[in-house]
């Protein structure tokens, strides 16, 4: 195997989020170099009236994001299919209308459900990993993720097994939480994402052993396989070079090893992309 790029990703970030680097056009150029057909920009959602330094761009950056991606869509239309999207958490009714407007107005082509944090009692952001009771944190995550799926606003679920970062142990509780997520995905006809992030920055074993990552969690995806739910790969790149040098062979092997119902295209209705 030669670690050939996948040729698509619907999960790609920009420097606006505060933990990615590179100019928007650099991502496009690397995608073209890697013979991609599809590049979906899906930076962490910028929220009106909210700020979260180092996690998502300020809302004042949103218009510039839209204009930049739409301009690149037009400039490179003959070489690459580019989408404008957001990776967003489900915060209940707090931003439901905003998400609906983003989609109905065509400001974004789709939304990805990527649950990282919740709104606390003071209206601020708290990461699930910051909750001291890890079982409570996981139950909160599962509940929020399921409600997000039920909203019908999202194209797919990014890193559904993210909870393994803070929970860590594969036991009866983790199994039941996984089943709850997977059954909700089946009920709501949701696609689940095999996320490549940790395969780049996770702890690596020596001697050519398998990469040791919190997610994608093999046990979780074995259950996904049993349900034969559709899954897609998200490069989740935060630097242009990651579109070329991420461990693509590793993730292909993961999908094959776990006998996943793999798809590589989404049906996106965009007035900008033909």
Foldseek 3Di string as FASTA:
>chain_A
DPQQFPQEAQAEEDCQQVQFDDDPVLLVVLSLVSNHAEYHYAHADADPPDDDHNGHHHNVCLVVLLVVQLVVCVVCVVRYHYFYHHEYFQADPPCLVVLVCCPVVQSGQAYEHEHAWYQDPVRHTDGLLPDPPLLVSLVVLLVRLLVVLVSPRHQAYEPSLVSCVRVVDDDPSSVVSLCSNLVSCVVSVHAYEQEQVCQVVPCQDPDPDQGDGSPPPLVSLLVQQVVQREYEYHLNHRYSCSSGPGNNVSVVVSCVVSVHNYDYDTDTDHPSHD
